[in-house]
Amino acid sequence: MWAEKMGNVVRGAVAFMPSERCQRFLVGDLKEMPLDRTLDLSSRQLRRFPIRASAFNELVKLYLSDNHLSNLPSELRNLQKLQLLALDFNCFEELPLVVCSLVQLNILYLGNNRLYWLPKELQQLTELKTLWLETNCFSKFPRVICELPNIKTLHLGYNQLRSLPSELGRLEELRSIWLAGNLLNDFPPVLLKMHYLEVIDVDRNRIRQFPSLAYLRGLKLVIYDHNPCVNAPVVAEGVRRVGRWADSSDDEEDEGDGKVATASVNVQGSLEDNE
């Protein structure tokens, strides 16, 4: 344990040194493209992207999570076959425009940064299917997301969102939306029109009254726990609810039964398996 801590201290100090030798200490030589076309540079104390890695133009997956990155070089655009890019747990206040040039991206992890807006160029990522933006600084829903026609999974939990735009209804491929830990006072009306949604997560918001969700034909799971609600959302048969009164029938709710559900589910793994 002591040796590991000392190693992290040394890497942290070396990260401030711009020399090529210091970079090699953090990431290795990076002489050959990995056979599995996956490069994992997570948790390396990186403060700048190693330019050498941009020569691996056959890369499909690039993990840069848990570093100290706040920008990326233009050379990253060489990685045109990239399908997964992980930039979560870094220091980005703005999304580097070079990311928007990686048009084959399917999965983009941007959670746990300092983002408060997204550039209009993001709409170039028309192949994007999964977008993680949880635990950032968004006070308004980034409308450019509504221009991403193939999005299936959208994570925007733990921001400061108060509403969702009506344009979100354009995303006919969207199957799961995760909005826990925001500032929603009302259930977003646009979601009531999105019959293809399978998962809706509004846990830990400020919603007091839930409308009926019984006519959302594709719905499989709704998570609404930790809201100051006076009712549970009515759902169709077979739809799983997680929250207060989740185990009660709708008739029992009308009679004011205060039964609290204790069920917990692990839906994230199953969703990722389906992607």
C-alpha atoms as a PDB file:
ATOM      1  CA  MET A   1       0.000   0.000   0.000  1.00  0.00           C
ATOM      2  CA  TRP A   2       2.784   2.422   0.927  1.00  0.00           C
ATOM      3  CA  ALA A   3       4.631   1.657  -2.307  1.00  0.00           C
ATOM      4  CA  GLU A   4       1.469   2.243  -4.329  1.00  0.00           C
ATOM      5  CA  LYS A   5       0.887   5.624  -2.684  1.00  0.00           C
ATOM      6  CA  MET A   6       4.474   6.645  -3.316  1.00  0.00           C
ATOM      7  CA  GLY A   7       4.113   5.580  -6.936  1.00  0.00           C
ATOM      8  CA  ASN A   8       1.079   7.837  -7.328  1.00  0.00           C
ATOM      9  CA  VAL A   9       2.974  10.745  -5.771  1.00  0.00           C
ATOM     10  CA  VAL A  10       5.869  10.261  -8.172  1.00  0.00           C
ATOM     11  CA  ARG A  11       3.538  10.020 -11.178  1.00  0.00           C
ATOM     12  CA  GLY A  12       1.740  13.154 -10.043  1.00  0.00           C
ATOM     13  CA  ALA A  13       5.013  15.069  -9.881  1.00  0.00           C
ATOM     14  CA  VAL A  14       6.247  13.726 -13.208  1.00  0.00           C
ATOM     15  CA  ALA A  15       2.971  14.729 -14.885  1.00  0.00           C
ATOM     16  CA  PHE A  16       3.993  18.390 -14.575  1.00  0.00           C
ATOM     17  CA  MET A  17       7.215  17.774 -16.501  1.00  0.00           C
ATOM     18  CA  PRO A  18       6.791  18.172 -20.285  1.00  0.00           C
ATOM     19  CA  SER A  19       9.792  16.125 -21.425  1.00  0.00           C
ATOM     20  CA  GLU A  20       9.359  13.047 -23.627  1.00  0.00           C
ATOM     21  CA  ARG A  21      11.162  10.947 -21.052  1.00  0.00           C
ATOM     22  CA  CYS A  22       8.682  11.917 -18.354  1.00  0.00           C
ATOM     23  CA  GLN A  23       5.781  11.100 -20.648  1.00  0.00           C
ATOM     24  CA  ARG A  24       7.205   7.633 -21.251  1.00  0.00           C
ATOM     25  CA  PHE A  25       7.350   7.116 -17.482  1.00  0.00           C
ATOM     26  CA  LEU A  26       3.597   7.763 -17.287  1.00  0.00           C
ATOM     27  CA  VAL A  27       2.349   5.865 -20.329  1.00  0.00           C
ATOM     28  CA  GLY A  28       5.192   3.619 -21.519  1.00  0.00           C
ATOM     29  CA  ASP A  29       6.825   3.725 -24.935  1.00  0.00           C
ATOM     30  CA  LEU A  30       3.626   3.417 -27.011  1.00  0.00           C
ATOM     31  CA  LYS A  31       5.652   1.986 -29.888  1.00  0.00           C
ATOM     32  CA  GLU A  32       3.130  -0.528 -31.204  1.00  0.00           C
ATOM     33  CA  MET A  33      -0.604  -0.470 -31.691  1.00  0.00           C
ATOM     34  CA  PRO A  34      -2.333  -2.857 -29.236  1.00  0.00           C
ATOM     35  CA  LEU A  35      -3.484  -6.053 -30.926  1.00  0.00           C
ATOM     36  CA  ASP A  36      -7.018  -5.656 -29.577  1.00  0.00           C
ATOM     37  CA  ARG A  37      -7.108  -2.051 -30.877  1.00  0.00           C
ATOM     38  CA  THR A  38      -7.825  -0.856 -27.326  1.00  0.00           C
ATOM     39  CA  LEU A  39      -5.605   1.598 -25.460  1.00  0.00           C
ATOM     40  CA  ASP A  40      -6.185   2.144 -21.745  1.00  0.00           C
ATOM     41  CA  LEU A  41      -4.407   5.199 -20.300  1.00  0.00           C
ATOM     42  CA  SER A  42      -6.744   5.620 -17.340  1.00  0.00           C
ATOM     43  CA  SER A  43      -5.436   6.731 -13.925  1.00  0.00           C
ATOM     44  CA  ARG A  44      -2.007   7.784 -15.193  1.00  0.00           C
ATOM     45  CA  GLN A  45      -2.010  11.316 -13.726  1.00  0.00           C
ATOM     46  CA  LEU A  46      -1.928  12.668 -17.291  1.00  0.00           C
ATOM     47  CA  ARG A  47      -2.183  16.412 -17.807  1.00  0.00           C
ATOM     48  CA  ARG A  48      -1.740  16.229 -21.568  1.00  0.00           C
ATOM     49  CA  PHE A  49      -2.568  13.622 -24.156  1.00  0.00           C
ATOM     50  CA  PRO A  50       0.493  11.654 -25.344  1.00  0.00           C
ATOM     51  CA  ILE A  51       0.832  12.674 -29.002  1.00  0.00           C
ATOM     52  CA  ARG A  52       2.417   9.324 -29.801  1.00  0.00           C
ATOM     53  CA  ALA A  53      -0.928   7.613 -29.267  1.00  0.00           C
ATOM     54  CA  SER A  54      -2.481   9.582 -32.130  1.00  0.00           C
ATOM     55  CA  ALA A  55      -0.405   7.495 -34.561  1.00  0.00           C
ATOM     56  CA  PHE A  56      -2.499   4.419 -33.727  1.00  0.00           C
ATOM     57  CA  ASN A  57      -5.066   5.157 -36.414  1.00  0.00           C
ATOM     58  CA  GLU A  58      -6.626   1.686 -36.140  1.00  0.00           C
ATOM     59  CA  LEU A  59      -7.672   2.209 -32.520  1.00  0.00           C
ATOM     60  CA  VAL A  60     -11.294   1.357 -31.738  1.00  0.00           C
ATOM     61  CA  LYS A  61     -11.362   2.060 -27.984  1.00  0.00           C
ATOM     62  CA  LEU A  62      -9.459   4.730 -26.051  1.00  0.00           C
ATOM     63  CA  TYR A  63      -9.737   5.099 -22.272  1.00  0.00           C
ATOM     64  CA  LEU A  64      -8.427   8.320 -20.723  1.00  0.00           C
ATOM     65  CA  SER A  65     -10.523   8.234 -17.558  1.00  0.00           C
ATOM     66  CA  ASP A  66      -9.374   9.495 -14.161  1.00  0.00           C
ATOM     67  CA  ASN A  67      -6.583  11.840 -15.246  1.00  0.00           C
ATOM     68  CA  HIS A  68      -6.126  15.618 -15.097  1.00  0.00           C
ATOM     69  CA  LEU A  69      -6.876  16.430 -18.714  1.00  0.00           C
ATOM     70  CA  SER A  70      -8.500  19.742 -19.613  1.00  0.00           C
ATOM     71  CA  ASN A  71      -7.815  19.803 -23.362  1.00  0.00           C
ATOM     72  CA  LEU A  72      -6.874  17.506 -26.232  1.00  0.00           C
ATOM     73  CA  PRO A  73      -4.564  18.060 -29.227  1.00  0.00           C
ATOM     74  CA  SER A  74      -5.768  18.354 -32.820  1.00  0.00           C
ATOM     75  CA  GLU A  75      -3.795  15.179 -33.622  1.00  0.00           C
ATOM     76  CA  LEU A  76      -6.543  13.168 -31.959  1.00  0.00           C
ATOM     77  CA  ARG A  77      -8.531  13.524 -35.188  1.00  0.00           C
ATOM     78  CA  ASN A  78      -6.210  10.889 -36.697  1.00  0.00           C
ATOM     79  CA  LEU A  79      -8.154   8.246 -34.758  1.00  0.00           C
ATOM     80  CA  GLN A  80     -11.031   8.096 -37.231  1.00  0.00           C
ATOM     81  CA  LYS A  81     -11.921   4.478 -36.431  1.00  0.00           C
ATOM     82  CA  LEU A  82     -12.501   5.200 -32.764  1.00  0.00           C
ATOM     83  CA  GLN A  83     -15.855   3.889 -31.533  1.00  0.00           C
ATOM     84  CA  LEU A  84     -15.450   4.379 -27.769  1.00  0.00           C
ATOM     85  CA  LEU A  85     -13.826   7.345 -26.044  1.00  0.00           C
ATOM     86  CA  ALA A  86     -13.721   7.611 -22.242  1.00  0.00           C
ATOM     87  CA  LEU A  87     -12.933  11.087 -20.876  1.00  0.00           C
ATOM     88  CA  ASP A  88     -14.752  10.795 -17.560  1.00  0.00           C
ATOM     89  CA  PHE A  89     -13.206  11.916 -14.258  1.00  0.00           C
ATOM     90  CA  ASN A  90     -11.042  14.644 -15.774  1.00  0.00           C
ATOM     91  CA  CYS A  91     -11.002  18.457 -15.661  1.00  0.00           C
ATOM     92  CA  PHE A  92     -12.787  19.459 -18.875  1.00  0.00           C
ATOM     93  CA  GLU A  93     -14.775  22.681 -18.677  1.00  0.00           C
ATOM     94  CA  GLU A  94     -15.484  22.578 -22.414  1.00  0.00           C
ATOM     95  CA  LEU A  95     -15.650  19.649 -24.788  1.00  0.00           C
ATOM     96  CA  PRO A  96     -12.618  19.831 -27.113  1.00  0.00           C
ATOM     97  CA  LEU A  97     -13.868  20.326 -30.681  1.00  0.00           C
ATOM     98  CA  VAL A  98     -11.519  17.631 -31.936  1.00  0.00           C
ATOM     99  CA  VAL A  99     -13.775  15.056 -30.245  1.00  0.00           C
ATOM    100  CA  CYS A 100     -16.577  16.109 -32.601  1.00  0.00           C
ATOM    101  CA  SER A 101     -14.431  15.093 -35.583  1.00  0.00           C
ATOM    102  CA  LEU A 102     -14.421  11.424 -34.494  1.00  0.00           C
ATOM    103  CA  VAL A 103     -17.519  10.591 -36.499  1.00  0.00           C
ATOM    104  CA  GLN A 104     -17.489   6.816 -35.858  1.00  0.00           C
ATOM    105  CA  LEU A 105     -17.950   7.204 -32.107  1.00  0.00           C
ATOM    106  CA  ASN A 106     -20.696   4.998 -30.640  1.00  0.00           C
ATOM    107  CA  ILE A 107     -19.998   5.579 -26.941  1.00  0.00           C
ATOM    108  CA  LEU A 108     -18.731   8.778 -25.319  1.00  0.00           C
ATOM    109  CA  TYR A 109     -18.041   9.033 -21.592  1.00  0.00           C
ATOM    110  CA  LEU A 110     -17.891  12.616 -20.293  1.00  0.00           C
ATOM    111  CA  GLY A 111     -19.136  12.183 -16.737  1.00  0.00           C
ATOM    112  CA  ASN A 112     -17.523  13.753 -13.681  1.00  0.00           C
ATOM    113  CA  ASN A 113     -16.009  16.769 -15.394  1.00  0.00           C
ATOM    114  CA  ARG A 114     -16.879  20.484 -15.211  1.00  0.00           C
ATOM    115  CA  LEU A 115     -18.876  20.803 -18.415  1.00  0.00           C
ATOM    116  CA  TYR A 116     -21.687  23.367 -18.510  1.00  0.00           C
ATOM    117  CA  TRP A 117     -22.397  23.474 -22.271  1.00  0.00           C
ATOM    118  CA  LEU A 118     -21.783  21.435 -25.424  1.00  0.00           C
ATOM    119  CA  PRO A 119     -20.701  22.798 -28.828  1.00  0.00           C
ATOM    120  CA  LYS A 120     -23.023  22.647 -31.841  1.00  0.00           C
ATOM    121  CA  GLU A 121     -20.366  20.560 -33.589  1.00  0.00           C
ATOM    122  CA  LEU A 122     -21.410  17.600 -31.430  1.00  0.00           C
ATOM    123  CA  GLN A 123     -24.232  16.976 -33.913  1.00  0.00           C
ATOM    124  CA  GLN A 124     -21.576  15.624 -36.299  1.00  0.00           C
ATOM    125  CA  LEU A 125     -21.474  12.458 -34.162  1.00  0.00           C
ATOM    126  CA  THR A 126     -24.453  10.902 -35.889  1.00  0.00           C
ATOM    127  CA  GLU A 127     -23.393   7.345 -34.958  1.00  0.00           C
ATOM    128  CA  LEU A 128     -23.386   8.073 -31.234  1.00  0.00           C
ATOM    129  CA  LYS A 129     -25.572   5.648 -29.284  1.00  0.00           C
ATOM    130  CA  THR A 130     -24.535   6.162 -25.645  1.00  0.00           C
ATOM    131  CA  LEU A 131     -23.671   9.510 -24.050  1.00  0.00           C
ATOM    132  CA  TRP A 132     -22.643   9.885 -20.406  1.00  0.00           C
ATOM    133  CA  LEU A 133     -22.798  13.422 -18.982  1.00  0.00           C
ATOM    134  CA  GLU A 134     -23.572  12.718 -15.339  1.00  0.00           C
ATOM    135  CA  THR A 135     -22.036  14.833 -12.543  1.00  0.00           C
ATOM    136  CA  ASN A 136     -21.212  17.937 -14.521  1.00  0.00           C
ATOM    137  CA  CYS A 137     -22.424  21.540 -14.280  1.00  0.00           C
ATOM    138  CA  PHE A 138     -25.345  21.698 -16.726  1.00  0.00           C
ATOM    139  CA  SER A 139     -28.096  24.030 -15.559  1.00  0.00           C
ATOM    140  CA  LYS A 140     -29.860  23.816 -18.938  1.00  0.00           C
ATOM    141  CA  PHE A 141     -30.383  20.764 -21.106  1.00  0.00           C
ATOM    142  CA  PRO A 142     -27.811  20.864 -23.962  1.00  0.00           C
ATOM    143  CA  ARG A 143     -30.135  21.140 -26.976  1.00  0.00           C
ATOM    144  CA  VAL A 144     -27.517  19.873 -29.402  1.00  0.00           C
ATOM    145  CA  ILE A 145     -28.224  16.410 -27.972  1.00  0.00           C
ATOM    146  CA  CYS A 146     -31.589  16.597 -29.749  1.00  0.00           C
ATOM    147  CA  GLU A 147     -29.653  16.526 -33.051  1.00  0.00           C
ATOM    148  CA  LEU A 148     -28.143  13.090 -32.369  1.00  0.00           C
ATOM    149  CA  PRO A 149     -30.550  10.757 -34.202  1.00  0.00           C
ATOM    150  CA  ASN A 150     -29.139   7.414 -33.017  1.00  0.00           C
ATOM    151  CA  ILE A 151     -28.853   8.054 -29.278  1.00  0.00           C
ATOM    152  CA  LYS A 152     -30.220   5.085 -27.322  1.00  0.00           C
ATOM    153  CA  THR A 153     -28.913   5.766 -23.798  1.00  0.00           C
ATOM    154  CA  LEU A 154     -28.538   9.214 -22.249  1.00  0.00           C
ATOM    155  CA  HIS A 155     -27.064   9.820 -18.800  1.00  0.00           C
ATOM    156  CA  LEU A 156     -27.573  13.327 -17.397  1.00  0.00           C
ATOM    157  CA  GLY A 157     -27.847  12.572 -13.705  1.00  0.00           C
ATOM    158  CA  TYR A 158     -26.485  14.834 -10.992  1.00  0.00           C
ATOM    159  CA  ASN A 159     -26.532  18.132 -12.826  1.00  0.00           C
ATOM    160  CA  GLN A 160     -28.832  21.100 -12.146  1.00  0.00           C
ATOM    161  CA  LEU A 161     -31.504  20.563 -14.790  1.00  0.00           C
ATOM    162  CA  ARG A 162     -34.951  22.008 -14.104  1.00  0.00           C
ATOM    163  CA  SER A 163     -36.682  21.001 -17.339  1.00  0.00           C
ATOM    164  CA  LEU A 164     -36.305  19.148 -20.643  1.00  0.00           C
ATOM    165  CA  PRO A 165     -36.937  20.708 -24.069  1.00  0.00           C
ATOM    166  CA  SER A 166     -39.780  19.541 -26.311  1.00  0.00           C
ATOM    167  CA  GLU A 167     -37.192  18.887 -29.042  1.00  0.00           C
ATOM    168  CA  LEU A 168     -36.065  15.819 -27.083  1.00  0.00           C
ATOM    169  CA  GLY A 169     -39.071  14.060 -28.587  1.00  0.00           C
ATOM    170  CA  ARG A 170     -37.220  13.906 -31.911  1.00  0.00           C
ATOM    171  CA  LEU A 171     -34.950  11.180 -30.556  1.00  0.00           C
ATOM    172  CA  GLU A 172     -36.980   8.185 -31.650  1.00  0.00           C
ATOM    173  CA  GLU A 173     -34.105   5.771 -30.962  1.00  0.00           C
ATOM    174  CA  LEU A 174     -33.808   6.814 -27.308  1.00  0.00           C
ATOM    175  CA  ARG A 175     -34.577   3.891 -25.006  1.00  0.00           C
ATOM    176  CA  SER A 176     -33.263   4.964 -21.594  1.00  0.00           C
ATOM    177  CA  ILE A 177     -32.865   8.361 -19.975  1.00  0.00           C
ATOM    178  CA  TRP A 178     -31.194   8.803 -16.588  1.00  0.00           C
ATOM    179  CA  LEU A 179     -31.979  12.074 -14.783  1.00  0.00           C
ATOM    180  CA  ALA A 180     -31.380  11.292 -11.107  1.00  0.00           C
ATOM    181  CA  GLY A 181     -30.125  14.038  -8.839  1.00  0.00           C
ATOM    182  CA  ASN A 182     -31.377  17.057 -10.774  1.00  0.00           C
ATOM    183  CA  LEU A 183     -33.800  19.865  -9.863  1.00  0.00           C
ATOM    184  CA  LEU A 184     -36.940  18.740 -11.682  1.00  0.00           C
ATOM    185  CA  ASN A 185     -40.063  20.084  -9.941  1.00  0.00           C
ATOM    186  CA  ASP A 186     -42.407  18.385 -12.390  1.00  0.00           C
ATOM    187  CA  PHE A 187     -42.281  15.211 -14.424  1.00  0.00           C
ATOM    188  CA  PRO A 188     -41.006  16.387 -17.841  1.00  0.00           C
ATOM    189  CA  PRO A 189     -44.017  16.576 -20.219  1.00  0.00           C
ATOM    190  CA  VAL A 190     -41.930  15.617 -23.251  1.00  0.00           C
ATOM    191  CA  LEU A 191     -41.319  12.150 -21.776  1.00  0.00           C
ATOM    192  CA  LEU A 192     -45.068  11.483 -21.842  1.00  0.00           C
ATOM    193  CA  LYS A 193     -44.915  11.577 -25.650  1.00  0.00           C
ATOM    194  CA  MET A 194     -41.927   9.245 -25.996  1.00  0.00           C
ATOM    195  CA  HIS A 195     -43.668   5.863 -26.243  1.00  0.00           C
ATOM    196  CA  TYR A 196     -40.469   4.037 -27.196  1.00  0.00           C
ATOM    197  CA  LEU A 197     -38.688   4.766 -23.877  1.00  0.00           C
ATOM    198  CA  GLU A 198     -37.913   1.627 -21.872  1.00  0.00           C
ATOM    199  CA  VAL A 199     -36.228   3.172 -18.797  1.00  0.00           C
ATOM    200  CA  ILE A 200     -36.958   6.494 -17.098  1.00  0.00           C
ATOM    201  CA  ASP A 201     -34.907   7.434 -14.032  1.00  0.00           C
ATOM    202  CA  VAL A 202     -35.990  10.581 -12.152  1.00  0.00           C
ATOM    203  CA  ASP A 203     -34.713   9.488  -8.729  1.00  0.00           C
ATOM    204  CA  ARG A 204     -33.690  12.252  -6.298  1.00  0.00           C
ATOM    205  CA  ASN A 205     -35.511  15.190  -7.851  1.00  0.00           C
ATOM    206  CA  ARG A 206     -38.296  17.437  -6.508  1.00  0.00           C
ATOM    207  CA  ILE A 207     -41.317  15.956  -8.212  1.00  0.00           C
ATOM    208  CA  ARG A 208     -44.494  16.089  -6.093  1.00  0.00           C
ATOM    209  CA  GLN A 209     -47.075  14.650  -8.479  1.00  0.00           C
ATOM    210  CA  PHE A 210     -46.609  11.923 -11.072  1.00  0.00           C
ATOM    211  CA  PRO A 211     -48.849  11.621 -14.128  1.00  0.00           C
ATOM    212  CA  SER A 212     -49.991   8.261 -15.426  1.00  0.00           C
ATOM    213  CA  LEU A 213     -47.384   6.442 -17.500  1.00  0.00           C
ATOM    214  CA  ALA A 214     -49.703   3.548 -18.318  1.00  0.00           C
ATOM    215  CA  TYR A 215     -49.884   4.375 -22.014  1.00  0.00           C
ATOM    216  CA  LEU A 216     -46.099   4.414 -22.590  1.00  0.00           C
ATOM    217  CA  ARG A 217     -46.078   1.163 -24.549  1.00  0.00           C
ATOM    218  CA  GLY A 218     -42.342   0.474 -24.422  1.00  0.00           C
ATOM    219  CA  LEU A 219     -41.778   1.264 -20.740  1.00  0.00           C
ATOM    220  CA  LYS A 220     -40.120  -1.470 -18.668  1.00  0.00           C
ATOM    221  CA  LEU A 221     -38.726   0.401 -15.660  1.00  0.00           C
ATOM    222  CA  VAL A 222     -39.376   3.723 -13.924  1.00  0.00           C
ATOM    223  CA  ILE A 223     -37.231   4.857 -10.983  1.00  0.00           C
ATOM    224  CA  TYR A 224     -38.783   7.704  -8.990  1.00  0.00           C
ATOM    225  CA  ASP A 225     -37.494   7.190  -5.437  1.00  0.00           C
ATOM    226  CA  HIS A 226     -36.393  10.092  -3.176  1.00  0.00           C
ATOM    227  CA  ASN A 227     -38.932  12.584  -4.537  1.00  0.00           C
ATOM    228  CA  PRO A 228     -41.412  14.418  -2.258  1.00  0.00           C
ATOM    229  CA  CYS A 229     -44.256  12.813  -4.216  1.00  0.00           C
ATOM    230  CA  VAL A 230     -47.814  12.207  -3.015  1.00  0.00           C
ATOM    231  CA  ASN A 231     -48.416   9.365  -5.453  1.00  0.00           C
ATOM    232  CA  ALA A 232     -46.608   6.717  -7.468  1.00  0.00           C
ATOM    233  CA  PRO A 233     -46.797   6.838 -11.273  1.00  0.00           C
ATOM    234  CA  VAL A 234     -49.459   4.531 -12.670  1.00  0.00           C
ATOM    235  CA  VAL A 235     -47.852   2.058 -15.086  1.00  0.00           C
ATOM    236  CA  ALA A 236     -48.998  -0.745 -17.354  1.00  0.00           C
ATOM    237  CA  GLU A 237     -48.890  -4.364 -16.238  1.00  0.00           C
ATOM    238  CA  GLY A 238     -45.382  -5.780 -16.175  1.00  0.00           C
ATOM    239  CA  VAL A 239     -43.605  -2.435 -15.762  1.00  0.00           C
ATOM    240  CA  ARG A 240     -41.231  -2.319 -12.788  1.00  0.00           C
ATOM    241  CA  ARG A 241     -41.411   0.664 -10.429  1.00  0.00           C
ATOM    242  CA  VAL A 242     -38.711   1.607  -7.933  1.00  0.00           C
ATOM    243  CA  GLY A 243     -39.809   4.090  -5.299  1.00  0.00           C
ATOM    244  CA  ARG A 244     -42.403   4.766  -2.638  1.00  0.00           C
ATOM    245  CA  TRP A 245     -45.575   2.703  -2.999  1.00  0.00           C
ATOM    246  CA  ALA A 246     -43.894   0.672  -5.764  1.00  0.00           C
ATOM    247  CA  ASP A 247     -45.260  -2.611  -4.374  1.00  0.00           C
ATOM    248  CA  SER A 248     -48.792  -1.274  -3.918  1.00  0.00           C
ATOM    249  CA  SER A 249     -51.603  -1.657  -6.408  1.00  0.00           C
ATOM    250  CA  ASP A 250     -53.009   1.543  -7.840  1.00  0.00           C
ATOM    251  CA  ASP A 251     -56.204   0.999  -5.797  1.00  0.00           C
ATOM    252  CA  GLU A 252     -54.144   0.840  -2.614  1.00  0.00           C
ATOM    253  CA  GLU A 253     -52.480   4.130  -3.510  1.00  0.00           C
ATOM    254  CA  ASP A 254     -55.870   5.791  -3.947  1.00  0.00           C
ATOM    255  CA  GLU A 255     -56.772   4.675  -0.441  1.00  0.00           C
ATOM    256  CA  GLY A 256     -53.644   6.341   0.894  1.00  0.00           C
ATOM    257  CA  ASP A 257     -51.646   3.248   1.775  1.00  0.00           C
ATOM    258  CA  GLY A 258     -48.226   4.506   2.882  1.00  0.00           C
ATOM    259  CA  LYS A 259     -46.337   1.356   2.087  1.00  0.00           C
ATOM    260  CA  VAL A 260     -42.695   2.004   1.202  1.00  0.00           C
ATOM    261  CA  ALA A 261     -40.984  -0.224  -1.310  1.00  0.00           C
ATOM    262  CA  THR A 262     -37.696  -1.807  -0.407  1.00  0.00           C
ATOM    263  CA  ALA A 263     -36.984  -3.337  -3.808  1.00  0.00           C
ATOM    264  CA  SER A 264     -33.702  -2.489  -5.463  1.00  0.00           C
ATOM    265  CA  VAL A 265     -32.648  -3.286  -9.024  1.00  0.00           C
ATOM    266  CA  ASN A 266     -29.456  -3.370 -10.966  1.00  0.00           C
ATOM    267  CA  VAL A 267     -30.598  -2.342 -14.426  1.00  0.00           C
ATOM    268  CA  GLN A 268     -27.403  -0.705 -15.629  1.00  0.00           C
ATOM    269  CA  GLY A 269     -25.565  -3.943 -16.289  1.00  0.00           C
ATOM    270  CA  SER A 270     -28.431  -5.403 -18.301  1.00  0.00           C
ATOM    271  CA  LEU A 271     -28.728  -2.280 -20.430  1.00  0.00           C
ATOM    272  CA  GLU A 272     -25.040  -2.274 -21.229  1.00  0.00           C
ATOM    273  CA  ASP A 273     -25.251  -5.947 -22.158  1.00  0.00           C
ATOM    274  CA  ASN A 274     -27.964  -5.091 -24.671  1.00  0.00           C
ATOM    275  CA  GLU A 275     -25.954  -2.316 -26.336  1.00  0.00           C
END
